[in-house]
N, C-alpha and C. Protein backbone atom coordinates (compact mmCIF):
# COMPACT_ATOMS: atom_id res chain seq x y z
N MET A 1 1.28 -1.17 0.09
CA MET A 1 0.07 0.14 -0.09
C MET A 1 1.03 1.28 -0.17
N THR A 2 0.42 2.33 -0.82
CA THR A 2 1.68 3.60 -0.50
C THR A 2 0.97 4.45 0.18
N LEU A 3 2.30 4.54 0.84
CA LEU A 3 2.47 5.87 1.79
C LEU A 3 2.59 7.05 1.24
N ARG A 4 1.57 8.01 1.18
CA ARG A 4 1.95 9.55 1.16
C ARG A 4 1.95 10.24 2.10
N VAL A 5 3.16 10.78 2.15
CA VAL A 5 3.45 11.57 3.17
C VAL A 5 3.96 13.30 2.97
N ALA A 6 3.46 14.20 3.78
CA ALA A 6 3.55 15.80 3.51
C ALA A 6 4.61 15.67 4.69
N ILE A 7 5.60 17.08 4.53
CA ILE A 7 6.49 17.19 5.39
C ILE A 7 6.49 19.17 5.24
N MET A 8 6.34 19.43 6.51
CA MET A 8 6.15 21.19 6.63
C MET A 8 6.34 21.49 8.16
N GLN A 9 7.14 22.63 8.16
CA GLN A 9 7.27 23.06 9.18
C GLN A 9 6.22 23.74 9.56
N PRO A 10 6.01 23.74 11.23
CA PRO A 10 4.35 23.65 11.89
C PRO A 10 4.28 25.61 11.60
N TYR A 11 3.15 25.88 11.11
CA TYR A 11 3.20 27.14 10.91
C TYR A 11 1.84 27.79 11.65
N PHE A 12 2.00 28.86 12.44
CA PHE A 12 0.89 29.58 13.18
C PHE A 12 -0.33 30.06 12.65
N PHE A 13 -1.57 29.27 12.43
CA PHE A 13 -2.74 29.46 11.45
C PHE A 13 -2.16 29.73 10.07
N PRO A 14 -1.74 29.13 9.75
CA PRO A 14 -1.60 29.27 8.28
C PRO A 14 -2.62 29.48 7.05
N TYR A 15 -2.65 30.16 5.72
CA TYR A 15 -3.32 30.10 4.88
C TYR A 15 -4.16 28.89 4.63
N ALA A 16 -5.30 28.74 4.23
CA ALA A 16 -6.17 27.37 3.87
C ALA A 16 -5.11 26.59 3.16
N GLY A 17 -4.72 26.99 2.08
CA GLY A 17 -4.10 26.11 0.79
C GLY A 17 -2.86 25.07 2.17
N TYR A 18 -2.12 25.42 2.83
CA TYR A 18 -1.70 24.87 3.54
C TYR A 18 -2.08 22.97 4.02
N PHE A 19 -3.29 23.37 4.48
CA PHE A 19 -3.73 22.28 4.57
C PHE A 19 -4.12 21.55 3.63
N ARG A 20 -4.32 21.79 2.57
CA ARG A 20 -4.24 20.78 1.52
C ARG A 20 -3.35 19.46 1.77
N LEU A 21 -2.02 20.04 1.85
CA LEU A 21 -1.04 18.66 2.28
C LEU A 21 -1.50 17.77 3.28
N MET A 22 -1.97 17.85 4.19
CA MET A 22 -2.61 16.93 5.17
C MET A 22 -4.06 16.34 4.46
N ALA A 23 -4.96 17.08 3.42
CA ALA A 23 -6.09 16.20 2.86
C ALA A 23 -5.01 15.30 1.82
N ALA A 24 -4.22 15.63 1.42
CA ALA A 24 -3.77 14.75 0.30
C ALA A 24 -2.21 13.84 0.37
N SER A 25 -2.19 13.41 2.09
CA SER A 25 -1.20 12.49 2.68
C SER A 25 -1.70 11.70 3.62
N ASP A 26 -1.13 10.84 3.58
CA ASP A 26 -1.48 9.71 4.88
C ASP A 26 -0.72 10.10 6.02
N LEU A 27 -0.02 10.57 5.97
CA LEU A 27 0.92 11.35 7.18
C LEU A 27 1.52 12.77 7.09
N PHE A 28 1.48 13.28 7.82
CA PHE A 28 1.93 14.64 7.92
C PHE A 28 2.72 14.98 9.38
N VAL A 29 4.23 15.09 8.47
CA VAL A 29 5.38 15.08 9.43
C VAL A 29 5.43 16.90 9.74
N VAL A 30 5.50 16.83 10.88
CA VAL A 30 6.04 18.35 11.53
C VAL A 30 7.65 18.37 11.32
N LEU A 31 7.99 19.17 10.73
CA LEU A 31 9.40 19.81 10.45
C LEU A 31 9.73 20.48 11.49
N ASP A 32 9.98 20.10 12.79
CA ASP A 32 10.26 20.81 13.83
C ASP A 32 12.03 20.92 14.27
N ASP A 33 12.52 20.13 13.75
CA ASP A 33 14.61 20.00 13.81
C ASP A 33 15.59 21.19 12.95
N VAL A 34 14.75 21.69 12.42
CA VAL A 34 15.42 22.71 11.34
C VAL A 34 15.38 23.88 12.00
N GLN A 35 15.98 24.99 11.05
CA GLN A 35 15.93 26.49 12.09
C GLN A 35 15.22 27.55 11.83
N PHE A 36 14.69 27.98 12.68
CA PHE A 36 13.42 28.57 12.61
C PHE A 36 13.72 29.83 11.44
N PRO A 37 12.46 30.00 10.87
CA PRO A 37 13.08 31.03 9.73
C PRO A 37 12.28 32.23 10.02
N ARG A 38 13.31 33.15 10.67
CA ARG A 38 12.63 33.98 11.13
C ARG A 38 11.68 35.09 10.43
N ARG A 39 11.57 35.03 9.42
CA ARG A 39 10.66 35.78 8.15
C ARG A 39 9.64 34.79 7.60
N GLY A 40 9.54 33.85 8.18
CA GLY A 40 8.11 33.03 7.69
C GLY A 40 7.01 33.16 8.73
N ARG A 41 6.58 32.36 8.72
CA ARG A 41 5.08 32.21 9.29
C ARG A 41 5.05 31.03 10.19
N VAL A 42 6.10 30.32 10.59
CA VAL A 42 6.40 29.77 11.68
C VAL A 42 5.42 30.29 13.13
N HIS A 43 5.86 31.51 13.48
CA HIS A 43 5.57 32.27 14.89
C HIS A 43 4.25 33.65 14.43
N ARG A 44 3.86 33.73 13.49
CA ARG A 44 2.75 34.70 12.98
C ARG A 44 2.35 34.17 11.60
N CYS A 45 0.64 34.82 11.80
CA CYS A 45 -0.09 34.48 10.69
C CYS A 45 -0.88 36.44 10.20
N GLU A 46 -1.08 35.83 9.18
CA GLU A 46 -1.72 37.35 8.64
C GLU A 46 -3.29 37.24 8.91
N VAL A 47 -3.76 38.42 9.55
CA VAL A 47 -5.00 38.09 9.89
C VAL A 47 -6.00 39.01 8.69
N ALA A 48 -5.10 40.01 8.27
CA ALA A 48 -5.65 40.81 7.28
C ALA A 48 -4.68 41.03 6.12
N ALA A 49 -4.63 41.44 5.22
CA ALA A 49 -3.72 41.97 4.39
C ALA A 49 -3.03 42.96 4.67
N GLY A 50 -1.37 42.45 5.12
CA GLY A 50 -0.75 43.47 5.79
C GLY A 50 -0.73 43.24 7.25
N ARG A 51 -1.84 42.83 7.99
CA ARG A 51 -1.94 42.76 8.84
C ARG A 51 -1.33 41.67 9.95
N TRP A 52 0.11 41.39 10.83
CA TRP A 52 0.27 40.11 11.23
C TRP A 52 0.08 40.15 12.61
N LEU A 53 -0.34 38.68 12.81
CA LEU A 53 -0.27 38.38 14.57
C LEU A 53 0.82 37.70 15.13
N THR A 54 1.68 38.44 15.53
CA THR A 54 3.04 37.23 15.99
C THR A 54 3.11 36.97 17.36
N LEU A 55 3.58 35.89 17.50
CA LEU A 55 3.56 34.86 18.94
C LEU A 55 4.95 35.70 19.70
N PRO A 56 4.34 36.00 21.21
CA PRO A 56 5.48 36.97 21.60
C PRO A 56 6.57 35.67 22.36
N LEU A 57 7.85 35.56 21.16
CA LEU A 57 8.53 34.24 21.49
C LEU A 57 9.82 34.95 22.55
N ALA A 58 10.59 34.41 23.06
CA ALA A 58 11.82 34.45 23.71
C ALA A 58 13.00 35.17 22.92
N ARG A 59 13.96 35.66 23.15
CA ARG A 59 14.94 35.79 22.45
C ARG A 59 15.93 34.69 22.45
N ALA A 60 16.51 34.30 20.85
CA ALA A 60 17.11 32.82 20.76
C ALA A 60 18.21 33.50 19.65
N PRO A 61 19.23 32.41 19.92
CA PRO A 61 20.29 32.32 18.57
C PRO A 61 19.69 32.38 17.15
N ARG A 62 20.14 32.97 16.14
CA ARG A 62 19.81 32.98 14.84
C ARG A 62 19.71 31.74 14.47
N SER A 63 20.78 30.67 15.07
CA SER A 63 20.32 29.17 14.68
C SER A 63 19.92 28.40 15.55
N VAL A 64 18.55 28.96 16.38
CA VAL A 64 18.08 28.36 17.30
C VAL A 64 16.91 27.55 16.34
N ALA A 65 16.63 26.10 16.78
CA ALA A 65 15.66 25.34 15.70
C ALA A 65 14.27 25.44 16.41
N ILE A 66 13.43 24.99 15.60
CA ILE A 66 11.89 25.66 16.06
C ILE A 66 11.75 24.56 17.17
N ASN A 67 11.90 23.55 17.50
CA ASN A 67 11.45 23.06 18.60
C ASN A 67 12.49 23.40 19.60
N ARG A 68 13.23 24.26 19.50
CA ARG A 68 14.22 25.01 20.51
C ARG A 68 13.31 26.40 21.10
N LEU A 69 12.47 26.44 20.20
CA LEU A 69 11.77 28.03 20.82
C LEU A 69 11.10 28.17 22.06
N ASN A 70 10.96 28.85 22.88
CA ASN A 70 10.69 29.57 24.22
C ASN A 70 9.71 30.87 24.46
N TRP A 71 8.89 30.89 24.98
CA TRP A 71 8.29 32.13 24.77
C TRP A 71 8.78 32.95 25.82
N ALA A 72 8.91 34.36 25.32
CA ALA A 72 9.06 35.24 26.39
C ALA A 72 8.43 35.63 27.50
N PRO A 73 8.65 36.41 28.24
CA PRO A 73 8.23 36.31 29.90
C PRO A 73 7.11 37.13 29.75
N ASP A 74 6.25 36.82 30.20
CA ASP A 74 4.66 37.59 30.66
C ASP A 74 4.14 37.01 29.12
N ALA A 75 4.40 35.94 28.50
CA ALA A 75 3.89 35.75 27.43
C ALA A 75 2.45 35.60 27.23
N PRO A 76 1.59 35.12 28.12
CA PRO A 76 0.27 34.78 28.06
C PRO A 76 -0.67 36.05 27.72
N ARG A 77 0.15 37.06 28.92
CA ARG A 77 -0.71 38.47 28.61
C ARG A 77 -0.27 39.22 27.53
N GLN A 78 1.20 39.04 26.87
CA GLN A 78 1.37 39.70 25.72
C GLN A 78 0.42 39.22 24.62
N LEU A 79 0.52 37.63 24.41
CA LEU A 79 -0.59 37.53 23.30
C LEU A 79 -1.84 38.01 23.46
N GLU A 80 -2.33 37.74 24.75
CA GLU A 80 -3.64 38.23 24.71
C GLU A 80 -3.55 39.48 24.38
N ARG A 81 -3.09 40.30 24.60
CA ARG A 81 -2.94 42.16 24.26
C ARG A 81 -3.41 42.29 22.48
N ARG A 82 -2.28 41.17 21.84
CA ARG A 82 -2.11 41.31 20.56
C ARG A 82 -3.20 40.68 19.71
N LEU A 83 -3.85 39.35 20.52
CA LEU A 83 -4.94 38.94 19.83
C LEU A 83 -5.99 40.06 19.82
N GLU A 84 -6.32 40.89 20.71
CA GLU A 84 -7.33 41.86 21.04
C GLU A 84 -6.85 43.11 20.29
N ARG A 85 -5.83 43.38 19.70
CA ARG A 85 -5.33 44.44 19.15
C ARG A 85 -5.87 43.99 17.59
N ALA A 86 -5.68 42.56 17.72
CA ALA A 86 -6.18 41.88 15.82
C ALA A 86 -7.35 41.90 15.65
N GLY A 87 -8.44 42.45 16.90
CA GLY A 87 -9.89 42.13 16.47
C GLY A 87 -10.32 40.62 17.31
N ILE A 88 -9.52 39.71 18.32
CA ILE A 88 -9.91 38.67 18.05
C ILE A 88 -10.02 38.20 19.91
N VAL A 89 -11.29 38.68 20.33
CA VAL A 89 -11.70 38.60 21.21
C VAL A 89 -12.33 37.59 22.07
N ARG A 90 -11.63 37.09 23.64
CA ARG A 90 -12.02 35.82 24.03
C ARG A 90 -12.85 35.21 24.18
N ASP A 91 -14.52 35.96 24.40
CA ASP A 91 -15.85 35.70 24.32
C ASP A 91 -16.34 35.58 23.02
N ALA A 92 -15.90 36.02 22.03
CA ALA A 92 -16.54 35.91 20.77
C ALA A 92 -15.95 34.70 19.82
N ILE A 93 -15.02 34.26 20.12
CA ILE A 93 -15.04 33.33 19.32
C ILE A 93 -14.92 31.24 19.93
N PRO A 94 -15.10 30.69 19.25
CA PRO A 94 -15.58 28.83 19.45
C PRO A 94 -14.41 28.22 20.56
N PRO A 95 -15.14 27.64 21.37
CA PRO A 95 -14.45 26.97 22.63
C PRO A 95 -13.22 26.43 22.63
N PRO A 96 -12.84 25.46 21.26
CA PRO A 96 -11.53 25.31 21.21
C PRO A 96 -10.51 26.37 20.81
N LEU A 97 -10.65 27.09 19.72
CA LEU A 97 -9.87 28.16 19.98
C LEU A 97 -9.44 28.94 21.02
N ARG A 98 -10.70 29.20 21.35
CA ARG A 98 -10.66 30.35 23.04
C ARG A 98 -9.62 29.44 23.89
N ASP A 99 -9.65 28.09 24.11
CA ASP A 99 -8.97 27.71 24.99
C ASP A 99 -7.42 27.52 24.52
N HIS A 100 -7.34 27.50 22.99
CA HIS A 100 -5.80 27.23 22.92
C HIS A 100 -5.39 28.70 22.74
N LEU A 101 -6.09 29.75 22.41
CA LEU A 101 -5.26 31.10 22.11
C LEU A 101 -5.05 32.10 23.79
N PHE A 102 -6.12 31.46 24.61
CA PHE A 102 -6.17 32.20 25.82
C PHE A 102 -5.93 31.48 26.95
N GLY A 103 -5.65 30.71 26.81
CA GLY A 103 -5.59 29.49 27.94
C GLY A 103 -4.17 29.42 28.21
N THR A 104 -3.46 28.31 29.20
CA THR A 104 -2.27 28.47 29.58
C THR A 104 -1.80 27.59 28.52
N LEU A 105 -0.39 28.46 28.20
CA LEU A 105 0.44 28.29 27.33
C LEU A 105 1.32 27.04 27.36
N PRO A 106 1.04 25.67 26.34
CA PRO A 106 2.22 25.03 26.13
C PRO A 106 3.90 25.33 25.80
N PRO A 107 4.54 24.37 25.74
CA PRO A 107 5.44 24.80 25.05
C PRO A 107 5.33 25.03 23.49
N VAL A 108 5.80 26.11 22.98
CA VAL A 108 6.00 26.65 21.81
C VAL A 108 5.55 25.42 20.56
N LEU A 109 6.47 24.67 20.38
CA LEU A 109 6.25 23.51 19.58
C LEU A 109 4.93 23.14 19.64
N ASP A 110 4.74 22.51 21.01
CA ASP A 110 2.98 21.80 21.31
C ASP A 110 2.26 22.51 21.08
N PHE A 111 2.24 24.23 21.22
CA PHE A 111 1.18 25.13 20.89
C PHE A 111 1.09 25.37 19.55
N LEU A 112 2.23 25.26 18.94
CA LEU A 112 2.14 25.05 17.16
C LEU A 112 1.07 23.89 16.48
N GLU A 113 1.49 22.80 16.91
CA GLU A 113 1.39 21.60 16.53
C GLU A 113 -0.43 21.54 16.90
N ASN A 114 -0.62 21.86 18.38
CA ASN A 114 -1.92 21.88 18.77
C ASN A 114 -2.81 22.64 17.78
N GLY A 115 -2.48 23.75 17.48
CA GLY A 115 -3.09 24.78 16.96
C GLY A 115 -4.04 24.16 15.13
N LEU A 116 -2.53 23.36 14.92
CA LEU A 116 -2.54 22.59 13.76
C LEU A 116 -3.82 21.63 13.46
N LYS A 117 -3.52 20.74 15.01
CA LYS A 117 -4.80 19.86 15.33
C LYS A 117 -6.23 20.36 15.08
N ILE A 118 -6.17 21.55 15.91
CA ILE A 118 -7.42 22.24 16.21
C ILE A 118 -8.32 22.19 15.02
N VAL A 119 -7.54 22.67 13.88
CA VAL A 119 -7.91 23.14 12.68
C VAL A 119 -8.19 22.19 11.75
N THR A 120 -7.54 20.73 11.98
CA THR A 120 -7.84 19.63 11.49
C THR A 120 -9.42 18.92 11.72
N ARG A 121 -9.40 19.40 13.15
CA ARG A 121 -10.93 18.79 13.47
C ARG A 121 -11.81 19.51 13.27
N MET A 122 -11.63 20.96 13.10
CA MET A 122 -12.94 21.60 12.44
C MET A 122 -13.19 21.61 11.44
N LEU A 123 -12.10 20.97 10.37
CA LEU A 123 -12.33 20.83 9.13
C LEU A 123 -12.93 19.53 8.56
N GLY A 124 -12.69 18.79 9.65
CA GLY A 124 -12.93 17.06 9.56
C GLY A 124 -11.72 16.45 8.63
N LEU A 125 -10.59 16.79 8.86
CA LEU A 125 -9.44 16.31 8.20
C LEU A 125 -8.94 14.89 9.33
N PRO A 126 -8.99 13.64 8.77
CA PRO A 126 -8.33 13.16 9.58
C PRO A 126 -6.91 12.67 9.47
N VAL A 127 -6.29 13.47 9.51
CA VAL A 127 -4.89 13.54 9.80
C VAL A 127 -3.88 12.90 10.98
N HIS A 128 -3.00 12.11 10.55
CA HIS A 128 -1.98 11.57 11.48
C HIS A 128 -0.39 12.66 11.48
N PHE A 129 -0.15 13.16 12.63
CA PHE A 129 0.70 13.47 12.71
C PHE A 129 2.21 12.77 13.24
N GLN A 130 3.37 12.94 12.75
CA GLN A 130 4.52 12.77 13.30
C GLN A 130 5.74 14.13 13.48
N ARG A 131 6.32 13.98 14.30
CA ARG A 131 7.51 14.81 14.47
C ARG A 131 8.93 14.60 14.11
N SER A 132 9.44 15.61 13.08
CA SER A 132 10.61 14.90 12.41
C SER A 132 11.91 14.55 13.76
N SER A 133 11.68 15.25 14.96
CA SER A 133 12.87 15.41 15.95
C SER A 133 12.70 13.68 16.44
N ASP A 134 11.28 13.21 16.70
CA ASP A 134 11.48 11.92 16.88
C ASP A 134 12.08 10.72 16.06
N LEU A 135 12.57 10.95 14.88
CA LEU A 135 13.06 10.18 14.29
C LEU A 135 14.32 10.02 14.40
N SER A 136 15.04 10.90 15.46
CA SER A 136 16.71 10.74 15.53
C SER A 136 17.30 10.65 14.15
N LEU A 137 17.27 11.73 13.17
CA LEU A 137 18.05 11.46 11.77
C LEU A 137 19.28 12.34 12.53
N PRO A 138 20.45 12.33 11.88
CA PRO A 138 21.74 12.65 11.94
C PRO A 138 21.63 14.43 11.65
N GLY A 139 22.30 15.08 12.68
CA GLY A 139 22.25 16.56 12.73
C GLY A 139 22.63 17.25 11.29
N ASP A 140 23.74 16.88 10.99
CA ASP A 140 24.25 17.57 9.46
C ASP A 140 23.49 17.08 8.37
N LEU A 141 22.33 16.49 8.20
CA LEU A 141 21.59 16.46 7.21
C LEU A 141 20.84 17.91 6.86
N ARG A 142 20.83 18.66 5.75
CA ARG A 142 20.19 19.68 5.15
C ARG A 142 19.50 19.46 4.22
N GLY A 143 18.25 20.25 3.94
CA GLY A 143 17.59 20.45 2.50
C GLY A 143 16.85 19.35 2.13
N GLN A 144 17.53 18.82 0.89
CA GLN A 144 16.64 17.66 0.60
C GLN A 144 17.40 16.22 1.01
N ASP A 145 18.60 16.44 1.29
CA ASP A 145 18.84 15.26 1.72
C ASP A 145 18.30 14.68 3.06
N ARG A 146 17.86 15.93 3.93
CA ARG A 146 17.02 15.70 4.86
C ARG A 146 15.68 15.36 4.80
N ILE A 147 14.91 15.36 4.18
CA ILE A 147 13.59 15.26 3.56
C ILE A 147 13.59 13.74 3.01
N LEU A 148 14.37 13.48 2.34
CA LEU A 148 14.92 12.16 1.72
C LEU A 148 15.09 11.00 2.86
N ALA A 149 16.14 11.16 4.00
CA ALA A 149 15.90 10.40 4.96
C ALA A 149 15.22 10.61 5.54
N ILE A 150 13.93 11.30 5.95
CA ILE A 150 12.65 11.20 6.50
C ILE A 150 11.82 10.44 5.92
N LEU A 151 11.65 10.83 4.62
CA LEU A 151 10.72 9.97 3.81
C LEU A 151 11.49 8.32 3.82
N GLU A 152 12.29 7.88 4.07
CA GLU A 152 13.04 6.97 3.61
C GLU A 152 13.01 5.95 5.11
N THR A 153 13.06 6.56 6.28
CA THR A 153 12.67 6.20 7.46
C THR A 153 11.39 5.80 7.57
N LEU A 154 10.66 6.60 7.31
CA LEU A 154 9.06 6.41 7.39
C LEU A 154 8.58 5.34 6.27
N GLY A 155 9.32 5.02 5.22
CA GLY A 155 9.25 3.88 4.20
C GLY A 155 7.89 4.79 3.23
N ALA A 156 8.09 5.92 3.17
CA ALA A 156 7.09 6.52 1.95
C ALA A 156 7.28 6.40 0.61
N ASP A 157 6.24 6.31 -0.08
CA ASP A 157 6.26 5.75 -1.47
C ASP A 157 6.32 7.24 -2.35
N CYS A 158 5.57 8.30 -1.68
CA CYS A 158 5.00 9.52 -2.36
C CYS A 158 5.37 10.71 -1.30
N TYR A 159 6.14 11.50 -2.00
CA TYR A 159 6.21 12.83 -1.04
C TYR A 159 5.04 13.84 -1.95
N VAL A 160 4.42 14.52 -0.89
CA VAL A 160 3.21 15.34 -0.93
C VAL A 160 3.76 16.81 -0.88
N ASN A 161 4.15 17.65 -1.93
CA ASN A 161 4.68 18.87 -1.48
C ASN A 161 4.08 19.96 -1.70
N ALA A 162 4.07 21.35 -1.42
CA ALA A 162 3.58 22.33 -1.63
C ALA A 162 4.30 22.89 -3.25
N PRO A 163 3.69 23.70 -3.78
CA PRO A 163 3.75 24.03 -4.88
C PRO A 163 5.06 24.97 -4.95
N GLY A 164 5.37 25.50 -4.00
CA GLY A 164 6.58 26.54 -3.62
C GLY A 164 7.75 25.56 -3.70
N GLY A 165 7.45 23.94 -3.53
CA GLY A 165 9.18 23.24 -3.29
C GLY A 165 9.28 23.17 -4.38
N ARG A 166 9.00 23.23 -6.05
CA ARG A 166 9.65 22.92 -7.32
C ARG A 166 10.87 22.95 -7.47
N SER A 167 11.67 24.43 -6.87
CA SER A 167 12.76 24.85 -7.09
C SER A 167 13.84 24.08 -6.13
N LEU A 168 13.33 23.76 -5.07
CA LEU A 168 14.18 23.21 -4.04
C LEU A 168 14.41 21.08 -4.41
N TYR A 169 13.79 20.99 -5.35
CA TYR A 169 14.24 19.31 -5.30
C TYR A 169 14.16 18.87 -6.79
N GLN A 170 14.96 17.57 -6.34
CA GLN A 170 15.39 17.32 -7.77
C GLN A 170 14.95 15.89 -8.04
N PRO A 171 14.09 15.92 -9.03
CA PRO A 171 13.27 14.54 -8.94
C PRO A 171 13.75 13.31 -9.16
N GLN A 172 14.97 13.42 -10.08
CA GLN A 172 15.64 12.23 -9.88
C GLN A 172 16.01 11.50 -8.84
N ALA A 173 16.05 12.39 -7.86
CA ALA A 173 16.87 11.91 -6.54
C ALA A 173 16.10 11.20 -5.67
N PHE A 174 14.81 11.40 -5.89
CA PHE A 174 13.38 10.65 -5.19
C PHE A 174 13.27 9.51 -5.94
N ALA A 175 13.16 9.47 -7.40
CA ALA A 175 13.26 8.37 -8.13
C ALA A 175 13.97 7.10 -8.10
N GLU A 176 15.28 7.88 -7.71
CA GLU A 176 16.29 6.71 -7.25
C GLU A 176 16.05 5.88 -6.35
N ARG A 177 15.05 6.42 -5.62
CA ARG A 177 14.63 5.74 -4.37
C ARG A 177 13.34 5.34 -4.30
N GLY A 178 13.21 5.33 -5.21
CA GLY A 178 11.67 4.89 -5.31
C GLY A 178 10.76 5.88 -4.90
N ILE A 179 10.53 6.60 -4.87
CA ILE A 179 9.45 7.79 -4.14
C ILE A 179 9.61 8.68 -5.33
N THR A 180 7.66 8.79 -5.32
CA THR A 180 7.13 9.62 -6.12
C THR A 180 7.10 11.20 -5.43
N LEU A 181 7.64 12.01 -6.36
CA LEU A 181 7.42 13.71 -5.81
C LEU A 181 6.52 13.83 -6.45
N ASN A 182 5.84 14.39 -5.89
CA ASN A 182 4.28 15.17 -5.90
C ASN A 182 3.81 16.42 -5.92
N PHE A 183 3.59 17.42 -6.54
CA PHE A 183 3.37 18.98 -6.24
C PHE A 183 1.74 19.28 -6.28
N LEU A 184 1.32 19.95 -5.66
CA LEU A 184 0.06 20.64 -5.27
C LEU A 184 -0.08 21.68 -6.80
N PRO A 185 -1.24 22.22 -6.80
CA PRO A 185 -1.20 23.01 -8.15
C PRO A 185 -1.21 24.27 -6.91
N SER A 186 -1.20 25.47 -7.43
CA SER A 186 -1.20 26.85 -6.90
C SER A 186 -2.31 27.13 -5.92
N TYR A 187 -2.45 27.42 -4.92
CA TYR A 187 -3.84 27.94 -4.17
C TYR A 187 -4.43 28.81 -4.87
N ARG A 188 -5.62 28.57 -5.39
CA ARG A 188 -6.80 29.69 -5.84
C ARG A 188 -7.75 30.02 -4.87
N GLY A 189 -7.84 29.23 -3.85
CA GLY A 189 -9.00 30.19 -2.62
C GLY A 189 -8.79 31.27 -2.20
N CYS A 190 -9.35 31.81 -1.61
CA CYS A 190 -9.54 33.01 -1.06
C CYS A 190 -9.41 33.24 0.70
N HIS A 191 -9.24 32.08 1.30
CA HIS A 191 -8.83 31.79 2.91
C HIS A 191 -7.32 32.28 3.29
N PHE A 192 -6.95 33.23 2.68
CA PHE A 192 -5.44 33.80 2.91
C PHE A 192 -5.20 33.93 4.39
N HIS A 193 -6.12 34.35 4.95
CA HIS A 193 -6.08 34.59 6.48
C HIS A 193 -7.09 34.07 7.00
N LEU A 194 -6.39 33.16 7.61
CA LEU A 194 -7.92 31.90 8.02
C LEU A 194 -8.06 31.98 9.36
N LEU A 195 -7.21 32.72 10.42
CA LEU A 195 -7.74 32.77 11.64
C LEU A 195 -9.26 33.53 11.70
N PRO A 196 -9.16 34.49 11.33
CA PRO A 196 -10.21 35.46 11.26
C PRO A 196 -11.53 34.60 10.99
N TRP A 197 -11.47 33.65 9.45
CA TRP A 197 -12.66 32.91 9.55
C TRP A 197 -12.72 31.86 10.06
N LEU A 198 -12.14 31.36 10.86
CA LEU A 198 -12.15 30.41 11.63
C LEU A 198 -13.30 30.68 12.84
N LEU A 199 -13.10 32.13 13.47
CA LEU A 199 -13.91 32.78 14.03
C LEU A 199 -15.55 32.37 13.79
N ASP A 200 -15.86 32.33 12.47
CA ASP A 200 -17.24 32.27 12.16
C ASP A 200 -17.55 30.58 11.98
N SER A 201 -18.49 30.01 12.84
CA SER A 201 -18.80 28.35 12.60
C SER A 201 -18.88 27.98 11.62
N GLY A 202 -19.41 28.79 11.10
CA GLY A 202 -20.25 28.27 9.51
C GLY A 202 -19.29 28.14 8.33
N ALA A 203 -17.70 28.71 8.81
CA ALA A 203 -16.77 28.95 7.86
C ALA A 203 -16.54 27.70 7.47
N ALA A 204 -16.48 26.33 8.61
CA ALA A 204 -15.71 25.35 8.22
C ALA A 204 -15.74 24.35 7.20
N ALA A 205 -17.15 24.42 7.03
CA ALA A 205 -17.49 23.53 5.72
C ALA A 205 -17.46 23.99 4.51
N ARG A 206 -16.97 25.57 4.27
CA ARG A 206 -16.93 26.30 3.11
C ARG A 206 -15.22 25.73 2.79
N ILE A 207 -14.04 26.04 3.63
CA ILE A 207 -12.88 25.83 3.23
C ILE A 207 -12.62 24.78 3.36
N ARG A 208 -13.35 23.55 4.03
CA ARG A 208 -13.05 22.04 3.57
C ARG A 208 -13.11 21.98 2.39
N ALA A 209 -14.36 22.61 1.55
CA ALA A 209 -14.75 22.31 0.30
C ALA A 209 -13.69 23.19 -0.64
N GLU A 210 -13.29 23.89 -0.08
CA GLU A 210 -12.30 24.95 -1.15
C GLU A 210 -11.11 24.00 -1.02
N ILE A 211 -10.74 23.33 0.30
CA ILE A 211 -9.24 22.43 0.25
C ILE A 211 -9.37 21.42 -0.96
N ASP A 212 -10.30 20.66 -0.41
CA ASP A 212 -10.72 18.98 -1.32
C ASP A 212 -10.65 19.71 -2.83
N SER A 213 -11.27 20.54 -3.21
CA SER A 213 -11.58 21.12 -4.88
C SER A 213 -9.97 21.73 -5.10
N GLY A 214 -8.93 22.34 -4.42
CA GLY A 214 -7.62 22.25 -4.75
C GLY A 214 -6.60 21.45 -5.06
N LEU A 215 -7.29 20.34 -4.75
CA LEU A 215 -6.25 18.90 -4.82
C LEU A 215 -5.60 18.63 -6.21
N THR A 216 -6.51 19.07 -6.96
CA THR A 216 -6.25 18.78 -8.43
C THR A 216 -5.94 19.93 -9.57
């Protein structure tokens, strides 16, 4: 039986197109043991065009891995203020999101992964998660070599990737290992600012339908 695997850094409430990776794969690997991209979406999400909600993280060396991130002092209070400035008020959001965003903060990686799991449950996506750090891969593997090592360790037959990954990988390297390299089409939906949409209890079905239709 084919094992389709998607691998991605854990984003903080990413755009809806991110979740197509989960819908198209059997196993979603949270890529947590790589360098934290400070200009990426691991620690921030766009709540409107040009408006960002950023997590209050502690200062860390530039080389810090995602799974080594920590919260800043007084992070719960800082996050609550930032949420309110973004128009996200505790009493106006569904319980799963409310407890996640305004409750006790677990370690940063747990918080990010829990956020993804909440969205998948809201969307009705049956996703199996795996952290790359649990695979005990050599620390010196980078880029394509690290991805291939993850796939081979898991026994994957197919690697499902976002369309932006086309410039990162060499199809021949995957073919030589018996792994099919598949790319999703470009995202053509309208849910780029996912968190505000999730505040509407009726939006989940529309987002799921958009995800399913955007897989081909």
